[in-house]
Every structure is written in structure tokens, then in C-alpha cells.
Amino acid sequence: MGRIRTPEKTLLFAGVLFKDNQYYLKAYDNLRQSFGEVIMETAPLRWEYSDHYRQEMGGPLYRRFLFFKELFDPEKLAEAKLITNKIECSMSIDDRRCANLDPGYLTLAKIVLASTKDYSHRIYIRDGIHAEVTLIYSKDAKEYVPNINTYNDYKDERHKKIFMIGRELLAMMNRKN
């Protein structure tokens, strides 16, 4: 019989997709108020992986990632997604989002995203929220590698490098605790 263990703490992050920097700054403030101090903020990267958000948000679109300083309990992923949904709604104009906020967490072994959409590779966690392991750390490759259903932006080498920096941050934080 396996022993029940407390899950390891993780590094919470949010991907922020936006058109205008003013909306990014507003999202940043809301996320910081909700999740605490930001330990790492990426530069804006042009987002050209699909036309999915163009009708709603316009273009060109950019994505930035925010990583939060306080270690995160993975049990609270659904709560984080519900919070980001509320932030998105509060920033919407005429029922159109000005920013798309994608929370997730990083462990030394994987990247997990939250979603309101069910699909074959997603697990229902609670309150209408699902979770998916989108990247897995490969000890052989020494990097995060995608699953079969991983979104194209998360397959991008630039994004994977960002998550490797996040992984190093988490490892340092774990050594301090």
C-alpha cells in the first residue's frame, strides 16, 4: 500500500495574452493583488500560434508570463482559475476580453494548466475547472517536453526556456525551505 503524502509546493504562474500594454498592466496589478509578489516577469513575446483570439481581442497579440514568489499549493489550482476568470470579466469591454489569463503551476517534473474546457487529456478537479499536464520534464533531454495535446505556444522553444528558468527558481526556493 502506498503512503499518503502531502503534495509538494509548486510555483504558480499566469500566462497573460493581450493586445494593448494598458490591459497587461491592469492584469498585472489584479494578479499581484490576488496571488502576491511577482518573482519573475517575462518580456512580451508576439503570439502568432492561431487566430482563435483575434476576433475577440484583435491583434497583434502578445504573451507575458508572471511567476509568483509564494510557493503554491496545487490543490488550489481551480481557485486560481476562478480568480483569473473574474479578473478577465472585470476587464472585459462589451463582453470581449481585453486579456486572457491562463494560470498554471510548475513542478520539477511538470507544467500543469487550468482550463474551463474538458477534453480527453484533461482531468476534472472542481467547480467547472479541469487540469492538464501540458509539459513533462525529461531527465534525458534536460528540458520540458510536450504531450500530444500540448498547445503550440507551449511547445515553442522560447516558452520552454522560460519554464526552465522557472524550474531553477523553484529548485532554489525548495533548497531554502
N, C-alpha and C. Protein backbone atom coordinates (compact mmCIF):
# COMPACT_ATOMS: atom_id res chain seq x y z
N MET A 1 0.85 -1.18 0.00
CA MET A 1 0.00 0.00 0.00
C MET A 1 0.89 1.24 0.00
N GLY A 2 0.54 2.18 -0.85
CA GLY A 2 1.27 3.44 -0.90
C GLY A 2 0.92 4.33 0.28
N ARG A 3 1.87 5.14 0.69
CA ARG A 3 1.63 6.09 1.78
C ARG A 3 1.07 7.39 1.21
N ILE A 4 0.09 7.94 1.90
CA ILE A 4 -0.47 9.23 1.53
C ILE A 4 0.54 10.30 1.92
N ARG A 5 0.84 11.18 0.99
CA ARG A 5 1.80 12.24 1.24
C ARG A 5 1.18 13.59 0.91
N THR A 6 1.65 14.59 1.59
CA THR A 6 1.25 15.96 1.28
C THR A 6 1.91 16.34 -0.04
N PRO A 7 1.15 16.93 -0.98
CA PRO A 7 1.77 17.28 -2.26
C PRO A 7 2.83 18.37 -2.07
N GLU A 8 3.85 18.29 -2.92
CA GLU A 8 4.89 19.30 -2.85
C GLU A 8 4.33 20.65 -3.26
N LYS A 9 4.90 21.71 -2.73
CA LYS A 9 4.52 23.05 -3.13
C LYS A 9 5.06 23.30 -4.54
N THR A 10 4.39 24.17 -5.26
CA THR A 10 4.71 24.41 -6.66
C THR A 10 4.95 25.89 -6.88
N LEU A 11 5.27 26.24 -8.11
CA LEU A 11 5.44 27.64 -8.49
C LEU A 11 4.26 28.03 -9.38
N LEU A 12 3.43 28.92 -8.86
CA LEU A 12 2.26 29.40 -9.60
C LEU A 12 2.73 30.40 -10.66
N PHE A 13 2.13 30.29 -11.85
CA PHE A 13 2.38 31.27 -12.90
C PHE A 13 1.07 31.59 -13.60
N ALA A 14 1.10 32.68 -14.34
CA ALA A 14 -0.04 33.06 -15.18
C ALA A 14 0.50 33.52 -16.52
N GLY A 15 -0.06 32.98 -17.59
CA GLY A 15 0.22 33.48 -18.92
C GLY A 15 -0.79 34.59 -19.20
N VAL A 16 -0.32 35.74 -19.63
CA VAL A 16 -1.20 36.88 -19.91
C VAL A 16 -1.13 37.18 -21.39
N LEU A 17 -2.25 36.97 -22.08
CA LEU A 17 -2.36 37.25 -23.51
C LEU A 17 -3.09 38.57 -23.66
N PHE A 18 -2.54 39.50 -24.43
CA PHE A 18 -3.11 40.84 -24.51
C PHE A 18 -2.73 41.49 -25.83
N LYS A 19 -3.48 42.54 -26.18
CA LYS A 19 -3.19 43.35 -27.36
C LYS A 19 -2.50 44.65 -26.97
N ASP A 20 -3.06 45.34 -26.00
CA ASP A 20 -2.53 46.65 -25.59
C ASP A 20 -1.87 46.54 -24.22
N ASN A 21 -0.73 47.20 -24.08
CA ASN A 21 0.02 47.14 -22.83
C ASN A 21 -0.79 47.64 -21.64
N GLN A 22 -1.71 48.58 -21.85
CA GLN A 22 -2.53 49.08 -20.74
C GLN A 22 -3.32 47.94 -20.10
N TYR A 23 -3.77 46.99 -20.90
CA TYR A 23 -4.52 45.85 -20.36
C TYR A 23 -3.59 44.88 -19.65
N TYR A 24 -2.37 44.75 -20.17
CA TYR A 24 -1.39 43.92 -19.46
C TYR A 24 -1.13 44.50 -18.07
N LEU A 25 -0.92 45.80 -18.01
CA LEU A 25 -0.62 46.44 -16.72
C LEU A 25 -1.77 46.29 -15.74
N LYS A 26 -2.98 46.39 -16.24
CA LYS A 26 -4.16 46.21 -15.38
C LYS A 26 -4.24 44.75 -14.90
N ALA A 27 -4.00 43.82 -15.81
CA ALA A 27 -4.00 42.40 -15.44
C ALA A 27 -2.90 42.12 -14.42
N TYR A 28 -1.71 42.69 -14.64
CA TYR A 28 -0.59 42.51 -13.72
C TYR A 28 -0.99 42.95 -12.31
N ASP A 29 -1.57 44.14 -12.20
CA ASP A 29 -1.98 44.65 -10.89
C ASP A 29 -2.99 43.73 -10.22
N ASN A 30 -3.99 43.28 -10.98
CA ASN A 30 -5.01 42.38 -10.43
C ASN A 30 -4.41 41.05 -10.00
N LEU A 31 -3.52 40.50 -10.81
CA LEU A 31 -2.89 39.22 -10.48
C LEU A 31 -2.01 39.35 -9.24
N ARG A 32 -1.26 40.44 -9.15
CA ARG A 32 -0.41 40.66 -7.98
C ARG A 32 -1.25 40.80 -6.72
N GLN A 33 -2.36 41.51 -6.82
CA GLN A 33 -3.25 41.64 -5.66
C GLN A 33 -3.82 40.28 -5.25
N SER A 34 -4.08 39.42 -6.21
CA SER A 34 -4.68 38.12 -5.93
C SER A 34 -3.67 37.07 -5.48
N PHE A 35 -2.47 37.08 -6.05
CA PHE A 35 -1.52 35.99 -5.83
C PHE A 35 -0.21 36.41 -5.18
N GLY A 36 -0.04 37.69 -4.94
CA GLY A 36 1.16 38.14 -4.25
C GLY A 36 2.27 38.61 -5.17
N GLU A 37 3.42 38.77 -4.56
CA GLU A 37 4.58 39.33 -5.25
C GLU A 37 5.00 38.49 -6.46
N VAL A 38 5.39 39.17 -7.51
CA VAL A 38 5.89 38.52 -8.72
C VAL A 38 7.39 38.33 -8.57
N ILE A 39 7.85 37.09 -8.77
CA ILE A 39 9.27 36.79 -8.66
C ILE A 39 9.96 36.85 -10.03
N MET A 40 9.18 36.62 -11.11
CA MET A 40 9.74 36.70 -12.46
C MET A 40 8.65 37.14 -13.43
N GLU A 41 9.02 38.07 -14.30
CA GLU A 41 8.12 38.59 -15.33
C GLU A 41 8.88 38.54 -16.64
N THR A 42 8.27 37.93 -17.65
CA THR A 42 8.96 37.81 -18.94
C THR A 42 8.68 39.03 -19.81
N ALA A 43 9.52 39.20 -20.80
CA ALA A 43 9.29 40.22 -21.81
C ALA A 43 8.09 39.80 -22.67
N PRO A 44 7.45 40.75 -23.34
CA PRO A 44 6.34 40.36 -24.21
C PRO A 44 6.85 39.61 -25.44
N LEU A 45 6.19 38.51 -25.74
CA LEU A 45 6.50 37.73 -26.93
C LEU A 45 5.31 37.78 -27.87
N ARG A 46 5.56 38.02 -29.13
CA ARG A 46 4.48 38.04 -30.12
C ARG A 46 3.79 36.68 -30.13
N TRP A 47 2.46 36.69 -30.13
CA TRP A 47 1.67 35.45 -30.08
C TRP A 47 1.02 35.25 -31.43
N GLU A 48 1.52 34.29 -32.20
CA GLU A 48 1.05 34.05 -33.57
C GLU A 48 0.79 32.57 -33.82
N TYR A 49 0.17 31.91 -32.87
CA TYR A 49 0.02 30.46 -32.95
C TYR A 49 -1.32 30.02 -33.55
N SER A 50 -2.30 30.91 -33.52
CA SER A 50 -3.60 30.62 -34.13
C SER A 50 -4.38 31.94 -34.23
N ASP A 51 -5.52 31.88 -34.88
CA ASP A 51 -6.40 33.04 -34.98
C ASP A 51 -7.52 32.98 -33.95
N HIS A 52 -7.43 32.05 -33.03
CA HIS A 52 -8.51 31.78 -32.08
C HIS A 52 -8.98 33.03 -31.32
N TYR A 53 -8.07 33.88 -30.90
CA TYR A 53 -8.43 35.04 -30.07
C TYR A 53 -8.58 36.34 -30.87
N ARG A 54 -8.27 36.32 -32.15
CA ARG A 54 -8.24 37.55 -32.96
C ARG A 54 -9.60 38.25 -33.02
N GLN A 55 -10.65 37.50 -33.26
CA GLN A 55 -11.97 38.13 -33.37
C GLN A 55 -12.37 38.82 -32.07
N GLU A 56 -12.08 38.17 -30.96
CA GLU A 56 -12.44 38.73 -29.65
C GLU A 56 -11.51 39.86 -29.21
N MET A 57 -10.22 39.67 -29.40
CA MET A 57 -9.25 40.59 -28.82
C MET A 57 -8.55 41.49 -29.83
N GLY A 58 -8.65 41.19 -31.11
CA GLY A 58 -7.92 41.96 -32.11
C GLY A 58 -6.49 41.47 -32.23
N GLY A 59 -5.62 42.34 -32.68
CA GLY A 59 -4.23 41.94 -32.84
C GLY A 59 -3.38 43.15 -33.17
N PRO A 60 -2.08 43.00 -33.18
CA PRO A 60 -1.35 41.79 -32.85
C PRO A 60 -1.44 41.49 -31.35
N LEU A 61 -1.28 40.22 -31.02
CA LEU A 61 -1.35 39.78 -29.63
C LEU A 61 0.05 39.45 -29.10
N TYR A 62 0.19 39.62 -27.79
CA TYR A 62 1.44 39.34 -27.10
C TYR A 62 1.15 38.51 -25.86
N ARG A 63 2.15 37.76 -25.44
CA ARG A 63 2.02 37.00 -24.19
C ARG A 63 3.22 37.29 -23.30
N ARG A 64 2.90 37.42 -22.02
CA ARG A 64 3.93 37.52 -20.98
C ARG A 64 3.56 36.50 -19.92
N PHE A 65 4.57 36.00 -19.24
CA PHE A 65 4.36 35.10 -18.12
C PHE A 65 4.78 35.78 -16.84
N LEU A 66 3.97 35.59 -15.81
CA LEU A 66 4.29 36.05 -14.46
C LEU A 66 4.42 34.84 -13.57
N PHE A 67 5.48 34.78 -12.79
CA PHE A 67 5.68 33.73 -11.80
C PHE A 67 5.63 34.37 -10.43
N PHE A 68 4.93 33.74 -9.51
CA PHE A 68 4.67 34.33 -8.20
C PHE A 68 5.60 33.76 -7.14
N LYS A 69 5.98 34.62 -6.22
CA LYS A 69 7.02 34.30 -5.23
C LYS A 69 6.59 33.24 -4.22
N GLU A 70 5.37 33.33 -3.74
CA GLU A 70 4.93 32.41 -2.70
C GLU A 70 4.69 31.01 -3.28
N LEU A 71 5.27 30.01 -2.62
CA LEU A 71 5.04 28.64 -3.08
C LEU A 71 3.54 28.34 -3.04
N PHE A 72 3.09 27.57 -4.02
CA PHE A 72 1.66 27.39 -4.28
C PHE A 72 1.24 25.95 -4.01
N ASP A 73 0.11 25.81 -3.35
CA ASP A 73 -0.48 24.50 -3.08
C ASP A 73 -1.26 24.07 -4.33
N PRO A 74 -0.87 22.97 -4.98
CA PRO A 74 -1.54 22.58 -6.22
C PRO A 74 -3.03 22.30 -6.05
N GLU A 75 -3.45 22.05 -4.82
CA GLU A 75 -4.86 21.82 -4.53
C GLU A 75 -5.71 23.06 -4.83
N LYS A 76 -5.06 24.21 -4.95
CA LYS A 76 -5.78 25.47 -5.15
C LYS A 76 -5.81 25.92 -6.62
N LEU A 77 -5.49 25.03 -7.54
CA LEU A 77 -5.47 25.40 -8.95
C LEU A 77 -6.84 25.85 -9.46
N ALA A 78 -7.90 25.14 -9.09
CA ALA A 78 -9.24 25.54 -9.54
C ALA A 78 -9.58 26.92 -9.01
N GLU A 79 -9.24 27.18 -7.76
CA GLU A 79 -9.48 28.50 -7.17
C GLU A 79 -8.74 29.59 -7.96
N ALA A 80 -7.50 29.31 -8.35
CA ALA A 80 -6.72 30.28 -9.13
C ALA A 80 -7.39 30.56 -10.47
N LYS A 81 -7.90 29.52 -11.11
CA LYS A 81 -8.58 29.71 -12.41
C LYS A 81 -9.86 30.52 -12.24
N LEU A 82 -10.60 30.26 -11.18
CA LEU A 82 -11.83 31.03 -10.93
C LEU A 82 -11.49 32.51 -10.70
N ILE A 83 -10.41 32.77 -10.00
CA ILE A 83 -9.96 34.16 -9.77
C ILE A 83 -9.58 34.82 -11.09
N THR A 84 -8.81 34.12 -11.92
CA THR A 84 -8.41 34.73 -13.19
C THR A 84 -9.61 34.95 -14.11
N ASN A 85 -10.59 34.07 -14.05
CA ASN A 85 -11.80 34.28 -14.84
C ASN A 85 -12.52 35.57 -14.40
N LYS A 86 -12.58 35.79 -13.10
CA LYS A 86 -13.21 37.02 -12.58
C LYS A 86 -12.43 38.26 -13.03
N ILE A 87 -11.11 38.17 -13.01
CA ILE A 87 -10.30 39.30 -13.47
C ILE A 87 -10.57 39.57 -14.95
N GLU A 88 -10.59 38.50 -15.76
CA GLU A 88 -10.89 38.66 -17.18
C GLU A 88 -12.23 39.37 -17.38
N CYS A 89 -13.24 38.92 -16.66
CA CYS A 89 -14.58 39.52 -16.78
C CYS A 89 -14.56 40.99 -16.37
N SER A 90 -13.85 41.31 -15.30
CA SER A 90 -13.82 42.70 -14.82
C SER A 90 -13.11 43.62 -15.81
N MET A 91 -12.26 43.06 -16.66
CA MET A 91 -11.53 43.85 -17.64
C MET A 91 -12.18 43.82 -19.03
N SER A 92 -13.26 43.07 -19.18
CA SER A 92 -13.90 42.93 -20.49
C SER A 92 -14.65 44.20 -20.88
N ILE A 93 -14.72 44.43 -22.17
CA ILE A 93 -15.47 45.55 -22.73
C ILE A 93 -16.46 44.96 -23.73
N ASP A 94 -17.75 45.22 -23.51
CA ASP A 94 -18.81 44.69 -24.39
C ASP A 94 -18.69 43.17 -24.54
N ASP A 95 -18.48 42.49 -23.41
CA ASP A 95 -18.36 41.02 -23.37
C ASP A 95 -17.18 40.49 -24.18
N ARG A 96 -16.20 41.31 -24.44
CA ARG A 96 -14.99 40.88 -25.14
C ARG A 96 -13.80 41.07 -24.20
N ARG A 97 -13.04 40.01 -24.03
CA ARG A 97 -11.88 40.10 -23.13
C ARG A 97 -10.80 40.99 -23.70
N CYS A 98 -10.17 41.74 -22.83
CA CYS A 98 -9.01 42.56 -23.18
C CYS A 98 -7.72 41.83 -22.83
N ALA A 99 -7.83 40.81 -22.00
CA ALA A 99 -6.69 39.98 -21.62
C ALA A 99 -7.22 38.57 -21.36
N ASN A 100 -6.44 37.59 -21.78
CA ASN A 100 -6.73 36.19 -21.49
C ASN A 100 -5.70 35.75 -20.47
N LEU A 101 -6.18 35.23 -19.33
CA LEU A 101 -5.29 34.85 -18.23
C LEU A 101 -5.32 33.34 -18.05
N ASP A 102 -4.17 32.72 -18.19
CA ASP A 102 -4.06 31.27 -18.07
C ASP A 102 -3.18 30.91 -16.88
N PRO A 103 -3.79 30.53 -15.75
CA PRO A 103 -2.97 30.12 -14.61
C PRO A 103 -2.53 28.67 -14.73
N GLY A 104 -1.41 28.40 -14.12
CA GLY A 104 -0.91 27.04 -14.05
C GLY A 104 0.14 26.97 -12.97
N TYR A 105 0.67 25.78 -12.78
CA TYR A 105 1.78 25.67 -11.84
C TYR A 105 2.86 24.80 -12.43
N LEU A 106 4.04 25.00 -11.89
CA LEU A 106 5.23 24.33 -12.35
C LEU A 106 5.79 23.51 -11.19
N THR A 107 6.17 22.29 -11.47
CA THR A 107 6.93 21.48 -10.53
C THR A 107 8.24 21.10 -11.21
N LEU A 108 9.11 20.44 -10.50
CA LEU A 108 10.35 20.00 -11.12
C LEU A 108 10.07 18.95 -12.20
N ALA A 109 8.88 18.33 -12.17
CA ALA A 109 8.56 17.25 -13.10
C ALA A 109 7.58 17.63 -14.20
N LYS A 110 6.81 18.74 -14.02
CA LYS A 110 5.74 19.01 -14.99
C LYS A 110 5.24 20.44 -14.92
N ILE A 111 4.52 20.81 -15.99
CA ILE A 111 3.78 22.07 -16.07
C ILE A 111 2.30 21.68 -16.17
N VAL A 112 1.48 22.23 -15.27
CA VAL A 112 0.05 21.92 -15.23
C VAL A 112 -0.73 23.21 -15.50
N LEU A 113 -1.67 23.15 -16.43
CA LEU A 113 -2.53 24.29 -16.74
C LEU A 113 -3.95 24.02 -16.27
N ALA A 114 -4.67 25.09 -15.96
CA ALA A 114 -6.09 25.01 -15.62
C ALA A 114 -6.90 25.41 -16.84
N SER A 115 -8.08 24.83 -16.98
CA SER A 115 -8.95 25.14 -18.12
C SER A 115 -10.41 24.97 -17.72
N THR A 116 -11.26 25.75 -18.36
CA THR A 116 -12.70 25.56 -18.19
C THR A 116 -13.24 24.55 -19.19
N LYS A 117 -12.41 24.15 -20.14
CA LYS A 117 -12.84 23.24 -21.21
C LYS A 117 -12.39 21.81 -20.93
N ASP A 118 -13.30 20.88 -21.06
CA ASP A 118 -12.97 19.47 -20.91
C ASP A 118 -12.47 18.92 -22.24
N TYR A 119 -11.60 17.95 -22.18
CA TYR A 119 -11.14 17.23 -23.36
C TYR A 119 -10.52 15.93 -22.88
N SER A 120 -10.14 15.08 -23.80
CA SER A 120 -9.69 13.73 -23.45
C SER A 120 -8.50 13.70 -22.50
N HIS A 121 -7.65 14.67 -22.55
CA HIS A 121 -6.42 14.67 -21.74
C HIS A 121 -6.55 15.51 -20.48
N ARG A 122 -7.74 16.01 -20.20
CA ARG A 122 -7.94 16.86 -19.02
C ARG A 122 -8.70 16.11 -17.94
N ILE A 123 -8.36 16.43 -16.71
CA ILE A 123 -8.98 15.82 -15.54
C ILE A 123 -9.83 16.89 -14.86
N TYR A 124 -11.06 16.54 -14.53
CA TYR A 124 -11.92 17.47 -13.80
C TYR A 124 -11.41 17.56 -12.37
N ILE A 125 -11.26 18.82 -11.86
CA ILE A 125 -10.82 18.95 -10.47
C ILE A 125 -11.92 19.47 -9.56
N ARG A 126 -12.63 20.54 -9.96
CA ARG A 126 -13.79 21.01 -9.20
C ARG A 126 -14.32 22.31 -9.79
N ASP A 127 -15.55 22.63 -9.45
CA ASP A 127 -16.16 23.91 -9.80
C ASP A 127 -16.05 24.26 -11.28
N GLY A 128 -16.18 23.27 -12.14
CA GLY A 128 -16.13 23.51 -13.58
C GLY A 128 -14.73 23.68 -14.15
N ILE A 129 -13.72 23.35 -13.37
CA ILE A 129 -12.33 23.54 -13.78
C ILE A 129 -11.64 22.19 -13.97
N HIS A 130 -10.87 22.12 -15.04
CA HIS A 130 -10.09 20.93 -15.39
C HIS A 130 -8.61 21.27 -15.31
N ALA A 131 -7.79 20.25 -15.21
CA ALA A 131 -6.33 20.42 -15.21
C ALA A 131 -5.72 19.52 -16.27
N GLU A 132 -4.63 19.99 -16.84
CA GLU A 132 -3.90 19.16 -17.80
C GLU A 132 -2.41 19.29 -17.57
N VAL A 133 -1.71 18.19 -17.70
CA VAL A 133 -0.26 18.22 -17.71
C VAL A 133 0.13 18.54 -19.14
N THR A 134 0.67 19.71 -19.35
CA THR A 134 0.95 20.15 -20.72
C THR A 134 2.41 19.96 -21.13
N LEU A 135 3.31 20.01 -20.16
CA LEU A 135 4.73 19.74 -20.41
C LEU A 135 5.25 18.82 -19.31
N ILE A 136 6.14 17.93 -19.69
CA ILE A 136 6.74 16.98 -18.76
C ILE A 136 8.26 17.17 -18.81
N TYR A 137 8.89 17.20 -17.64
CA TYR A 137 10.34 17.33 -17.63
C TYR A 137 10.98 16.00 -18.00
N SER A 138 11.85 16.04 -19.00
CA SER A 138 12.59 14.86 -19.43
C SER A 138 14.01 14.93 -18.88
N LYS A 139 14.37 13.96 -18.04
CA LYS A 139 15.73 13.93 -17.50
C LYS A 139 16.75 13.69 -18.61
N ASP A 140 16.36 12.91 -19.62
CA ASP A 140 17.28 12.65 -20.74
C ASP A 140 17.53 13.91 -21.55
N ALA A 141 16.46 14.62 -21.90
CA ALA A 141 16.59 15.83 -22.72
C ALA A 141 16.99 17.04 -21.89
N LYS A 142 16.82 16.95 -20.57
CA LYS A 142 17.08 18.06 -19.65
C LYS A 142 16.26 19.30 -20.02
N GLU A 143 14.99 19.05 -20.35
CA GLU A 143 14.07 20.13 -20.67
C GLU A 143 12.64 19.61 -20.54
N TYR A 144 11.70 20.53 -20.57
CA TYR A 144 10.29 20.16 -20.60
C TYR A 144 9.93 19.77 -22.03
N VAL A 145 9.18 18.68 -22.15
CA VAL A 145 8.75 18.22 -23.48
C VAL A 145 7.22 18.17 -23.51
N PRO A 146 6.63 18.39 -24.69
CA PRO A 146 5.17 18.45 -24.79
C PRO A 146 4.51 17.08 -24.81
N ASN A 147 3.24 17.10 -24.45
CA ASN A 147 2.36 15.94 -24.63
C ASN A 147 1.73 16.03 -26.01
N ILE A 148 0.95 15.04 -26.37
CA ILE A 148 0.32 15.00 -27.68
C ILE A 148 -0.66 16.17 -27.89
N ASN A 149 -1.34 16.62 -26.85
CA ASN A 149 -2.33 17.69 -26.98
C ASN A 149 -1.83 19.06 -26.52
N THR A 150 -0.54 19.21 -26.31
CA THR A 150 0.01 20.48 -25.85
C THR A 150 -0.21 21.56 -26.91
N TYR A 151 -0.67 22.73 -26.45
CA TYR A 151 -0.85 23.88 -27.35
C TYR A 151 0.48 24.26 -27.99
N ASN A 152 0.42 24.77 -29.23
CA ASN A 152 1.64 25.12 -29.96
C ASN A 152 2.50 26.15 -29.25
N ASP A 153 1.89 27.11 -28.57
CA ASP A 153 2.71 28.11 -27.90
C ASP A 153 3.53 27.49 -26.77
N TYR A 154 3.00 26.51 -26.10
CA TYR A 154 3.75 25.86 -25.02
C TYR A 154 4.83 24.91 -25.57
N LYS A 155 4.75 24.56 -26.85
CA LYS A 155 5.79 23.77 -27.50
C LYS A 155 6.96 24.64 -27.94
N ASP A 156 6.73 25.94 -28.06
CA ASP A 156 7.72 26.88 -28.55
C ASP A 156 8.96 26.85 -27.66
N GLU A 157 10.13 26.80 -28.27
CA GLU A 157 11.38 26.73 -27.52
C GLU A 157 11.56 27.92 -26.58
N ARG A 158 11.09 29.10 -26.98
CA ARG A 158 11.22 30.28 -26.11
C ARG A 158 10.42 30.08 -24.83
N HIS A 159 9.22 29.52 -24.95
CA HIS A 159 8.40 29.28 -23.77
C HIS A 159 9.01 28.19 -22.90
N LYS A 160 9.52 27.14 -23.53
CA LYS A 160 10.13 26.07 -22.76
C LYS A 160 11.35 26.57 -21.99
N LYS A 161 12.10 27.51 -22.57
CA LYS A 161 13.25 28.08 -21.86
C LYS A 161 12.78 28.90 -20.66
N ILE A 162 11.69 29.62 -20.83
CA ILE A 162 11.12 30.38 -19.71
C ILE A 162 10.77 29.43 -18.56
N PHE A 163 10.15 28.31 -18.90
CA PHE A 163 9.77 27.36 -17.85
C PHE A 163 10.99 26.70 -17.22
N MET A 164 12.07 26.55 -17.97
CA MET A 164 13.29 26.02 -17.36
C MET A 164 13.87 27.00 -16.35
N ILE A 165 13.77 28.29 -16.63
CA ILE A 165 14.20 29.30 -15.64
C ILE A 165 13.29 29.21 -14.41
N GLY A 166 11.98 29.06 -14.65
CA GLY A 166 11.05 28.88 -13.54
C GLY A 166 11.39 27.64 -12.72
N ARG A 167 11.79 26.58 -13.40
CA ARG A 167 12.19 25.35 -12.71
C ARG A 167 13.39 25.59 -11.81
N GLU A 168 14.37 26.34 -12.31
CA GLU A 168 15.54 26.67 -11.50
C GLU A 168 15.15 27.51 -10.28
N LEU A 169 14.24 28.45 -10.47
CA LEU A 169 13.74 29.25 -9.34
C LEU A 169 13.10 28.36 -8.28
N LEU A 170 12.24 27.45 -8.73
CA LEU A 170 11.58 26.54 -7.81
C LEU A 170 12.59 25.68 -7.06
N ALA A 171 13.59 25.17 -7.76
CA ALA A 171 14.62 24.35 -7.10
C ALA A 171 15.35 25.17 -6.03
N MET A 172 15.66 26.43 -6.32
CA MET A 172 16.31 27.30 -5.33
C MET A 172 15.41 27.53 -4.14
N MET A 173 14.14 27.78 -4.40
CA MET A 173 13.18 28.02 -3.33
C MET A 173 13.02 26.78 -2.44
N ASN A 174 13.03 25.61 -3.06
CA ASN A 174 12.92 24.36 -2.30
C ASN A 174 14.15 24.14 -1.41
N ARG A 175 15.32 24.53 -1.89
CA ARG A 175 16.55 24.37 -1.10
C ARG A 175 16.52 25.28 0.12
N LYS A 176 15.89 26.46 -0.01
CA LYS A 176 15.81 27.41 1.11
C LYS A 176 14.85 26.92 2.19
N ASN A 177 13.83 26.15 1.81
CA ASN A 177 12.80 25.70 2.79
C ASN A 177 13.19 24.42 3.44
